[in-house]
N, C-alpha and C. Protein backbone atom coordinates (compact mmCIF):
# COMPACT_ATOMS: atom_id res chain seq x y z
N UNK A 1 0.84 -1.15 0.00
CA UNK A 1 -0.01 0.01 0.00
C UNK A 1 0.89 1.24 -0.01
N UNK A 2 0.55 2.19 -0.84
CA UNK A 2 1.30 3.43 -0.91
C UNK A 2 0.64 4.46 -0.01
N UNK A 3 1.44 5.07 0.85
CA UNK A 3 0.88 6.08 1.73
C UNK A 3 0.95 7.45 1.06
N UNK A 4 -0.14 8.18 1.13
CA UNK A 4 -0.24 9.52 0.59
C UNK A 4 -0.29 10.52 1.72
N UNK A 5 -0.02 11.77 1.44
CA UNK A 5 -0.12 12.80 2.50
C UNK A 5 -1.48 12.81 3.11
N UNK A 6 -1.59 13.32 4.31
CA UNK A 6 -2.86 13.44 5.05
C UNK A 6 -3.46 12.07 5.41
N UNK A 7 -2.58 11.06 5.56
CA UNK A 7 -3.02 9.74 5.96
C UNK A 7 -3.99 9.09 4.97
N UNK A 8 -3.89 9.41 3.70
CA UNK A 8 -4.71 8.76 2.68
C UNK A 8 -3.96 7.56 2.14
N UNK A 9 -4.67 6.49 1.87
CA UNK A 9 -4.06 5.29 1.35
C UNK A 9 -4.73 4.90 0.05
N UNK A 10 -3.96 4.44 -0.89
CA UNK A 10 -4.48 3.94 -2.14
C UNK A 10 -4.84 2.48 -1.96
N UNK A 11 -6.09 2.16 -2.21
CA UNK A 11 -6.56 0.79 -2.11
C UNK A 11 -6.96 0.33 -3.51
N UNK A 12 -6.22 -0.59 -4.10
CA UNK A 12 -6.57 -1.05 -5.44
C UNK A 12 -7.93 -1.73 -5.44
N UNK A 13 -8.70 -1.54 -6.52
CA UNK A 13 -10.02 -2.15 -6.62
C UNK A 13 -9.92 -3.66 -6.74
N UNK A 14 -10.78 -4.35 -6.07
CA UNK A 14 -10.80 -5.81 -6.14
C UNK A 14 -11.34 -6.24 -7.49
N UNK A 15 -10.68 -7.20 -8.10
CA UNK A 15 -11.12 -7.72 -9.39
C UNK A 15 -11.91 -9.02 -9.20
N UNK A 16 -11.85 -9.60 -8.04
CA UNK A 16 -12.57 -10.84 -7.80
C UNK A 16 -13.83 -10.50 -7.02
N UNK A 17 -14.92 -11.11 -7.42
CA UNK A 17 -16.20 -10.85 -6.79
C UNK A 17 -16.20 -11.40 -5.37
N UNK A 18 -16.45 -10.55 -4.36
CA UNK A 18 -16.49 -11.04 -2.99
C UNK A 18 -17.59 -12.10 -2.85
N UNK A 19 -17.32 -13.12 -2.05
CA UNK A 19 -18.24 -14.23 -1.89
C UNK A 19 -19.65 -13.78 -1.45
N UNK A 20 -19.72 -12.83 -0.54
CA UNK A 20 -21.02 -12.40 -0.03
C UNK A 20 -21.83 -11.65 -1.10
N UNK A 21 -21.19 -11.22 -2.18
CA UNK A 21 -21.88 -10.48 -3.23
C UNK A 21 -22.22 -11.37 -4.43
N UNK A 22 -21.67 -12.57 -4.46
CA UNK A 22 -21.83 -13.44 -5.62
C UNK A 22 -23.30 -13.74 -5.90
N UNK A 23 -24.05 -14.18 -4.90
CA UNK A 23 -25.45 -14.54 -5.10
C UNK A 23 -26.30 -13.33 -5.46
N UNK A 24 -26.22 -12.21 -4.71
CA UNK A 24 -27.05 -11.06 -5.08
C UNK A 24 -26.78 -10.54 -6.50
N UNK A 25 -25.54 -10.48 -6.90
CA UNK A 25 -25.22 -9.97 -8.24
C UNK A 25 -25.68 -10.97 -9.30
N UNK A 26 -25.48 -12.25 -9.06
CA UNK A 26 -25.94 -13.26 -10.02
C UNK A 26 -27.45 -13.23 -10.14
N UNK A 27 -28.15 -13.15 -9.03
CA UNK A 27 -29.61 -13.10 -9.05
C UNK A 27 -30.10 -11.82 -9.73
N UNK A 28 -29.42 -10.72 -9.50
CA UNK A 28 -29.81 -9.45 -10.15
C UNK A 28 -29.67 -9.57 -11.67
N UNK A 29 -28.55 -10.09 -12.11
CA UNK A 29 -28.33 -10.24 -13.56
C UNK A 29 -29.39 -11.18 -14.14
N UNK A 30 -29.70 -12.26 -13.46
CA UNK A 30 -30.71 -13.20 -13.95
C UNK A 30 -32.08 -12.54 -14.03
N UNK A 31 -32.50 -11.86 -12.96
CA UNK A 31 -33.81 -11.20 -12.93
C UNK A 31 -33.92 -10.13 -13.99
N UNK A 32 -32.87 -9.33 -14.13
CA UNK A 32 -32.89 -8.27 -15.14
C UNK A 32 -32.97 -8.87 -16.52
N UNK A 33 -32.23 -9.95 -16.76
CA UNK A 33 -32.26 -10.61 -18.07
C UNK A 33 -33.63 -11.16 -18.41
N UNK A 34 -34.33 -11.74 -17.42
CA UNK A 34 -35.67 -12.25 -17.64
C UNK A 34 -36.63 -11.14 -18.04
N UNK A 35 -36.54 -10.01 -17.35
CA UNK A 35 -37.42 -8.91 -17.65
C UNK A 35 -37.11 -8.33 -19.05
N UNK A 36 -35.85 -8.22 -19.40
CA UNK A 36 -35.46 -7.73 -20.71
C UNK A 36 -36.00 -8.66 -21.80
N UNK A 37 -35.95 -9.98 -21.56
CA UNK A 37 -36.48 -10.94 -22.53
C UNK A 37 -37.99 -10.75 -22.73
N UNK A 38 -38.71 -10.52 -21.64
CA UNK A 38 -40.14 -10.25 -21.75
C UNK A 38 -40.39 -8.97 -22.53
N UNK A 39 -39.59 -7.96 -22.25
CA UNK A 39 -39.74 -6.68 -22.95
C UNK A 39 -39.52 -6.84 -24.45
N UNK A 40 -38.55 -7.67 -24.81
CA UNK A 40 -38.27 -7.91 -26.23
C UNK A 40 -39.46 -8.62 -26.89
N UNK A 41 -40.08 -9.56 -26.19
CA UNK A 41 -41.27 -10.23 -26.73
C UNK A 41 -42.42 -9.24 -26.91
N UNK A 42 -42.55 -8.31 -25.95
CA UNK A 42 -43.63 -7.33 -26.04
C UNK A 42 -43.40 -6.39 -27.21
N UNK A 43 -42.15 -6.07 -27.50
CA UNK A 43 -41.84 -5.20 -28.63
C UNK A 43 -42.09 -5.91 -29.95
N UNK A 44 -42.01 -7.25 -29.93
CA UNK A 44 -42.10 -8.03 -31.17
C UNK A 44 -43.51 -8.07 -31.76
N UNK A 45 -44.55 -7.84 -30.96
CA UNK A 45 -45.86 -7.92 -31.54
C UNK A 45 -46.94 -7.59 -30.55
N UNK A 46 -48.20 -7.74 -30.98
CA UNK A 46 -49.32 -7.43 -30.11
C UNK A 46 -49.35 -8.36 -28.90
N UNK A 47 -50.03 -7.90 -27.86
CA UNK A 47 -50.05 -8.66 -26.61
C UNK A 47 -50.56 -10.06 -26.76
N UNK A 48 -51.54 -10.29 -27.58
CA UNK A 48 -52.07 -11.62 -27.73
C UNK A 48 -51.22 -12.56 -28.57
N UNK A 49 -50.36 -12.01 -29.42
CA UNK A 49 -49.63 -12.88 -30.34
C UNK A 49 -48.15 -12.89 -30.14
N UNK A 50 -47.66 -12.44 -29.02
CA UNK A 50 -46.22 -12.30 -28.81
C UNK A 50 -45.56 -13.56 -28.28
N UNK A 51 -46.30 -14.67 -28.16
CA UNK A 51 -45.70 -15.88 -27.61
C UNK A 51 -45.97 -16.01 -26.14
N UNK A 52 -45.35 -16.97 -25.52
CA UNK A 52 -45.58 -17.25 -24.10
C UNK A 52 -44.26 -17.24 -23.34
N UNK A 53 -44.35 -16.85 -22.08
CA UNK A 53 -43.20 -16.91 -21.16
C UNK A 53 -43.65 -17.72 -19.97
N UNK A 54 -43.06 -18.90 -19.79
CA UNK A 54 -43.47 -19.80 -18.70
C UNK A 54 -44.96 -20.05 -18.71
N UNK A 55 -45.53 -20.19 -19.91
CA UNK A 55 -46.95 -20.49 -20.04
C UNK A 55 -47.87 -19.28 -19.88
N UNK A 56 -47.30 -18.10 -19.75
CA UNK A 56 -48.09 -16.89 -19.55
C UNK A 56 -47.88 -15.92 -20.72
N UNK A 57 -48.86 -15.05 -20.89
CA UNK A 57 -48.69 -13.97 -21.88
C UNK A 57 -47.51 -13.12 -21.41
N UNK A 58 -46.70 -12.60 -22.34
CA UNK A 58 -45.53 -11.82 -21.96
C UNK A 58 -45.82 -10.64 -21.04
N UNK A 59 -46.97 -9.97 -21.24
CA UNK A 59 -47.27 -8.81 -20.38
C UNK A 59 -47.55 -9.25 -18.96
N UNK A 60 -48.14 -10.43 -18.78
CA UNK A 60 -48.39 -10.97 -17.45
C UNK A 60 -47.06 -11.35 -16.80
N UNK A 61 -46.23 -12.07 -17.54
CA UNK A 61 -44.90 -12.46 -17.01
C UNK A 61 -44.09 -11.20 -16.67
N UNK A 62 -44.17 -10.20 -17.53
CA UNK A 62 -43.47 -8.93 -17.31
C UNK A 62 -43.91 -8.30 -16.00
N UNK A 63 -45.23 -8.23 -15.78
CA UNK A 63 -45.74 -7.62 -14.54
C UNK A 63 -45.38 -8.43 -13.31
N UNK A 64 -45.33 -9.74 -13.45
CA UNK A 64 -44.95 -10.60 -12.31
C UNK A 64 -43.49 -10.35 -11.93
N UNK A 65 -42.66 -10.09 -12.92
CA UNK A 65 -41.22 -9.87 -12.67
C UNK A 65 -40.91 -8.50 -12.06
N UNK A 66 -41.80 -7.52 -12.21
CA UNK A 66 -41.49 -6.16 -11.75
C UNK A 66 -41.13 -6.09 -10.26
N UNK A 67 -41.89 -6.72 -9.34
CA UNK A 67 -41.50 -6.64 -7.93
C UNK A 67 -40.14 -7.27 -7.65
N UNK A 68 -39.83 -8.39 -8.35
CA UNK A 68 -38.54 -9.04 -8.17
C UNK A 68 -37.40 -8.12 -8.62
N UNK A 69 -37.60 -7.48 -9.74
CA UNK A 69 -36.59 -6.53 -10.24
C UNK A 69 -36.41 -5.39 -9.26
N UNK A 70 -37.53 -4.89 -8.71
CA UNK A 70 -37.43 -3.81 -7.71
C UNK A 70 -36.61 -4.26 -6.51
N UNK A 71 -36.84 -5.51 -6.03
CA UNK A 71 -36.06 -6.04 -4.90
C UNK A 71 -34.57 -6.10 -5.25
N UNK A 72 -34.27 -6.57 -6.46
CA UNK A 72 -32.86 -6.68 -6.87
C UNK A 72 -32.22 -5.28 -6.95
N UNK A 73 -32.94 -4.33 -7.44
CA UNK A 73 -32.39 -2.96 -7.49
C UNK A 73 -32.16 -2.45 -6.08
N UNK A 74 -33.08 -2.72 -5.17
CA UNK A 74 -32.92 -2.32 -3.77
C UNK A 74 -31.70 -2.99 -3.13
N UNK A 75 -31.50 -4.28 -3.46
CA UNK A 75 -30.32 -4.98 -2.94
C UNK A 75 -29.02 -4.35 -3.47
N UNK A 76 -29.04 -3.95 -4.72
CA UNK A 76 -27.82 -3.35 -5.28
C UNK A 76 -27.50 -2.01 -4.61
N UNK A 77 -28.49 -1.38 -4.00
CA UNK A 77 -28.23 -0.14 -3.29
C UNK A 77 -27.28 -0.36 -2.10
N UNK A 78 -27.20 -1.60 -1.62
CA UNK A 78 -26.28 -1.93 -0.53
C UNK A 78 -24.83 -1.93 -0.96
N UNK A 79 -24.59 -1.91 -2.26
CA UNK A 79 -23.22 -1.81 -2.77
C UNK A 79 -22.90 -0.32 -2.88
N UNK A 80 -22.06 0.14 -1.99
CA UNK A 80 -21.74 1.57 -1.98
C UNK A 80 -20.26 1.76 -1.65
N UNK A 81 -19.82 3.00 -1.68
CA UNK A 81 -18.38 3.27 -1.49
C UNK A 81 -17.90 2.89 -0.09
N UNK A 82 -18.80 2.75 0.86
CA UNK A 82 -18.39 2.36 2.20
C UNK A 82 -18.23 0.85 2.33
N UNK A 83 -18.85 0.09 1.42
CA UNK A 83 -18.83 -1.37 1.54
C UNK A 83 -18.10 -2.07 0.40
N UNK A 84 -17.62 -1.34 -0.59
CA UNK A 84 -17.01 -1.96 -1.76
C UNK A 84 -15.65 -1.38 -2.03
N UNK A 85 -14.68 -2.16 -2.42
CA UNK A 85 -13.31 -1.65 -2.58
C UNK A 85 -13.08 -0.79 -3.83
N UNK A 86 -13.93 -0.88 -4.82
CA UNK A 86 -13.71 -0.17 -6.08
C UNK A 86 -14.68 1.00 -6.21
N UNK A 87 -14.26 2.17 -5.78
CA UNK A 87 -15.13 3.34 -5.73
C UNK A 87 -15.64 3.75 -7.10
N UNK A 88 -14.78 3.77 -8.08
CA UNK A 88 -15.18 4.18 -9.41
C UNK A 88 -16.26 3.27 -9.99
N UNK A 89 -16.09 1.97 -9.86
CA UNK A 89 -17.09 1.03 -10.33
C UNK A 89 -18.42 1.20 -9.59
N UNK A 90 -18.34 1.38 -8.27
CA UNK A 90 -19.56 1.54 -7.47
C UNK A 90 -20.33 2.79 -7.90
N UNK A 91 -19.62 3.87 -8.16
CA UNK A 91 -20.31 5.10 -8.58
C UNK A 91 -21.02 4.90 -9.93
N UNK A 92 -20.36 4.23 -10.86
CA UNK A 92 -21.01 3.93 -12.14
C UNK A 92 -22.18 3.00 -11.99
N UNK A 93 -22.02 1.96 -11.15
CA UNK A 93 -23.09 1.01 -10.90
C UNK A 93 -24.29 1.71 -10.29
N UNK A 94 -24.05 2.56 -9.30
CA UNK A 94 -25.17 3.24 -8.65
C UNK A 94 -25.86 4.23 -9.57
N UNK A 95 -25.11 4.87 -10.45
CA UNK A 95 -25.76 5.76 -11.43
C UNK A 95 -26.67 4.95 -12.35
N UNK A 96 -26.20 3.78 -12.79
CA UNK A 96 -27.02 2.93 -13.64
C UNK A 96 -28.21 2.36 -12.87
N UNK A 97 -28.01 2.05 -11.61
CA UNK A 97 -29.09 1.50 -10.78
C UNK A 97 -30.18 2.54 -10.56
N UNK A 98 -29.79 3.77 -10.28
CA UNK A 98 -30.78 4.83 -10.11
C UNK A 98 -31.54 5.08 -11.40
N UNK A 99 -30.84 5.05 -12.52
CA UNK A 99 -31.50 5.23 -13.81
C UNK A 99 -32.54 4.12 -14.05
N UNK A 100 -32.15 2.90 -13.74
CA UNK A 100 -33.08 1.75 -13.91
C UNK A 100 -34.26 1.87 -12.95
N UNK A 101 -34.01 2.32 -11.74
CA UNK A 101 -35.08 2.48 -10.77
C UNK A 101 -36.08 3.55 -11.22
N UNK A 102 -35.58 4.64 -11.77
CA UNK A 102 -36.49 5.68 -12.31
C UNK A 102 -37.31 5.14 -13.47
N UNK A 103 -36.68 4.36 -14.34
CA UNK A 103 -37.42 3.76 -15.47
C UNK A 103 -38.48 2.78 -14.98
N UNK A 104 -38.14 2.02 -13.92
CA UNK A 104 -39.10 1.07 -13.36
C UNK A 104 -40.32 1.83 -12.81
N UNK A 105 -40.06 2.94 -12.14
CA UNK A 105 -41.18 3.75 -11.61
C UNK A 105 -42.05 4.30 -12.73
N UNK A 106 -41.41 4.67 -13.85
CA UNK A 106 -42.19 5.15 -14.99
C UNK A 106 -43.09 4.05 -15.54
N UNK A 107 -42.58 2.81 -15.58
CA UNK A 107 -43.40 1.69 -16.04
C UNK A 107 -44.59 1.48 -15.10
N UNK A 108 -44.33 1.53 -13.78
CA UNK A 108 -45.43 1.37 -12.82
C UNK A 108 -46.50 2.43 -13.06
N UNK A 109 -46.08 3.68 -13.24
CA UNK A 109 -47.04 4.79 -13.47
C UNK A 109 -47.87 4.52 -14.72
N UNK A 110 -47.20 4.10 -15.79
CA UNK A 110 -47.92 3.81 -17.05
C UNK A 110 -48.92 2.66 -16.87
N UNK A 111 -48.50 1.62 -16.15
CA UNK A 111 -49.41 0.49 -15.94
C UNK A 111 -50.63 0.88 -15.11
N UNK A 112 -50.46 1.79 -14.19
CA UNK A 112 -51.58 2.26 -13.37
C UNK A 112 -52.49 3.18 -14.19
N UNK A 113 -51.87 4.07 -14.95
CA UNK A 113 -52.62 5.04 -15.74
C UNK A 113 -53.39 4.37 -16.89
N UNK A 114 -52.72 3.47 -17.62
CA UNK A 114 -53.35 2.83 -18.77
C UNK A 114 -53.01 1.34 -18.74
N UNK A 115 -53.82 0.54 -18.03
CA UNK A 115 -53.55 -0.90 -17.98
C UNK A 115 -53.56 -1.50 -19.40
N UNK A 116 -52.72 -2.48 -19.64
CA UNK A 116 -52.65 -3.08 -20.98
C UNK A 116 -53.93 -3.83 -21.32
N UNK A 117 -54.31 -3.78 -22.59
CA UNK A 117 -55.45 -4.50 -23.11
C UNK A 117 -54.97 -5.29 -24.32
N UNK A 118 -55.76 -6.30 -24.73
CA UNK A 118 -55.34 -7.05 -25.92
C UNK A 118 -55.12 -6.12 -27.11
N UNK A 119 -54.14 -6.47 -27.91
CA UNK A 119 -53.76 -5.62 -29.05
C UNK A 119 -52.38 -5.03 -28.81
N UNK A 120 -52.11 -3.94 -29.45
CA UNK A 120 -50.81 -3.30 -29.33
C UNK A 120 -50.69 -2.58 -27.98
N UNK A 121 -49.47 -2.48 -27.50
CA UNK A 121 -49.21 -1.73 -26.27
C UNK A 121 -49.46 -0.25 -26.49
N UNK A 122 -49.92 0.43 -25.47
CA UNK A 122 -50.02 1.88 -25.48
C UNK A 122 -48.63 2.44 -25.75
N UNK A 123 -48.55 3.50 -26.54
CA UNK A 123 -47.23 4.08 -26.91
C UNK A 123 -46.41 4.49 -25.69
N UNK A 124 -47.07 5.09 -24.70
CA UNK A 124 -46.36 5.52 -23.50
C UNK A 124 -45.81 4.34 -22.72
N UNK A 125 -46.62 3.31 -22.61
CA UNK A 125 -46.18 2.10 -21.90
C UNK A 125 -45.05 1.41 -22.67
N UNK A 126 -45.20 1.34 -23.99
CA UNK A 126 -44.16 0.70 -24.82
C UNK A 126 -42.83 1.46 -24.66
N UNK A 127 -42.89 2.78 -24.65
CA UNK A 127 -41.66 3.57 -24.49
C UNK A 127 -41.07 3.36 -23.11
N UNK A 128 -41.90 3.30 -22.08
CA UNK A 128 -41.40 3.09 -20.72
C UNK A 128 -40.77 1.71 -20.56
N UNK A 129 -41.40 0.71 -21.16
CA UNK A 129 -40.87 -0.66 -21.09
C UNK A 129 -39.53 -0.72 -21.82
N UNK A 130 -39.46 -0.10 -22.98
CA UNK A 130 -38.20 -0.05 -23.74
C UNK A 130 -37.10 0.65 -22.97
N UNK A 131 -37.44 1.76 -22.30
CA UNK A 131 -36.45 2.48 -21.50
C UNK A 131 -35.96 1.67 -20.34
N UNK A 132 -36.88 0.95 -19.68
CA UNK A 132 -36.49 0.08 -18.57
C UNK A 132 -35.59 -1.05 -19.06
N UNK A 133 -35.95 -1.67 -20.17
CA UNK A 133 -35.14 -2.75 -20.70
C UNK A 133 -33.73 -2.26 -21.04
N UNK A 134 -33.64 -1.09 -21.64
CA UNK A 134 -32.31 -0.52 -21.95
C UNK A 134 -31.51 -0.25 -20.69
N UNK A 135 -32.15 0.32 -19.69
CA UNK A 135 -31.45 0.64 -18.43
C UNK A 135 -30.98 -0.64 -17.72
N UNK A 136 -31.82 -1.67 -17.72
CA UNK A 136 -31.44 -2.94 -17.08
C UNK A 136 -30.34 -3.64 -17.85
N UNK A 137 -30.40 -3.55 -19.18
CA UNK A 137 -29.31 -4.15 -20.00
C UNK A 137 -28.00 -3.49 -19.70
N UNK A 138 -28.01 -2.17 -19.56
CA UNK A 138 -26.79 -1.43 -19.26
C UNK A 138 -26.26 -1.80 -17.87
N UNK A 139 -27.18 -1.96 -16.93
CA UNK A 139 -26.77 -2.35 -15.58
C UNK A 139 -26.18 -3.74 -15.56
N UNK A 140 -26.78 -4.68 -16.30
CA UNK A 140 -26.22 -6.03 -16.40
C UNK A 140 -24.83 -6.00 -17.01
N UNK A 141 -24.69 -5.22 -18.05
CA UNK A 141 -23.38 -5.10 -18.72
C UNK A 141 -22.33 -4.56 -17.75
N UNK A 142 -22.70 -3.56 -16.97
CA UNK A 142 -21.80 -2.97 -15.98
C UNK A 142 -21.32 -4.05 -14.99
N UNK A 143 -22.25 -4.89 -14.56
CA UNK A 143 -21.91 -5.93 -13.59
C UNK A 143 -21.05 -7.01 -14.21
N UNK A 144 -21.45 -7.56 -15.35
CA UNK A 144 -20.71 -8.70 -15.91
C UNK A 144 -19.40 -8.30 -16.56
N UNK A 145 -19.26 -7.05 -16.95
CA UNK A 145 -17.94 -6.62 -17.45
C UNK A 145 -16.91 -6.61 -16.33
N UNK A 146 -17.36 -6.19 -15.17
CA UNK A 146 -16.46 -6.11 -14.01
C UNK A 146 -16.30 -7.49 -13.36
N UNK A 147 -17.40 -8.22 -13.23
CA UNK A 147 -17.40 -9.51 -12.56
C UNK A 147 -18.08 -10.54 -13.47
N UNK A 148 -17.37 -11.12 -14.44
CA UNK A 148 -17.98 -12.09 -15.38
C UNK A 148 -18.65 -13.28 -14.66
N UNK A 149 -18.16 -13.65 -13.51
CA UNK A 149 -18.77 -14.79 -12.82
C UNK A 149 -20.18 -14.46 -12.31
N UNK A 150 -20.58 -13.20 -12.31
CA UNK A 150 -21.93 -12.82 -11.90
C UNK A 150 -22.95 -13.24 -12.96
N UNK A 151 -22.46 -13.57 -14.14
CA UNK A 151 -23.37 -14.01 -15.21
C UNK A 151 -24.04 -15.31 -14.78
N UNK A 152 -23.36 -16.10 -13.96
CA UNK A 152 -23.93 -17.33 -13.43
C UNK A 152 -24.43 -18.25 -14.51
N UNK A 153 -25.58 -18.85 -14.27
CA UNK A 153 -26.17 -19.78 -15.21
C UNK A 153 -27.04 -19.07 -16.24
N UNK A 154 -27.16 -17.77 -16.12
CA UNK A 154 -28.05 -17.02 -17.04
C UNK A 154 -27.45 -16.95 -18.43
């Protein structure tokens, strides 16, 4: 460790995923990936003809996944500069997490304002779902670029 003036120390960022973070990051990447897959199916066609996800219509599967994604985003909030050795990565991760959380809230608002009906998605809801999928994809990329083992079985 190199000592700097004023009792500051340089701590190199850890490149190996800490054991206590392995499951939460792997589960987050998996949950985000499932929701992105549903979003892609929803973009592909009308609600009734977009295929099935685990035997359900994609919009139903998408809505079922929303609380799980919210929990995963909340868990990622526990990764901060006080608990993680790589400050720069944490700051980028948290910026992406906040962006995804805001997009998730926009989706919730759209679902409350205009619940989906058979046929094409409402334009506002479609845009919100697309924005959330993009934000979650970016968050997954941030995680797996830094910690490839977080990709897990997904």
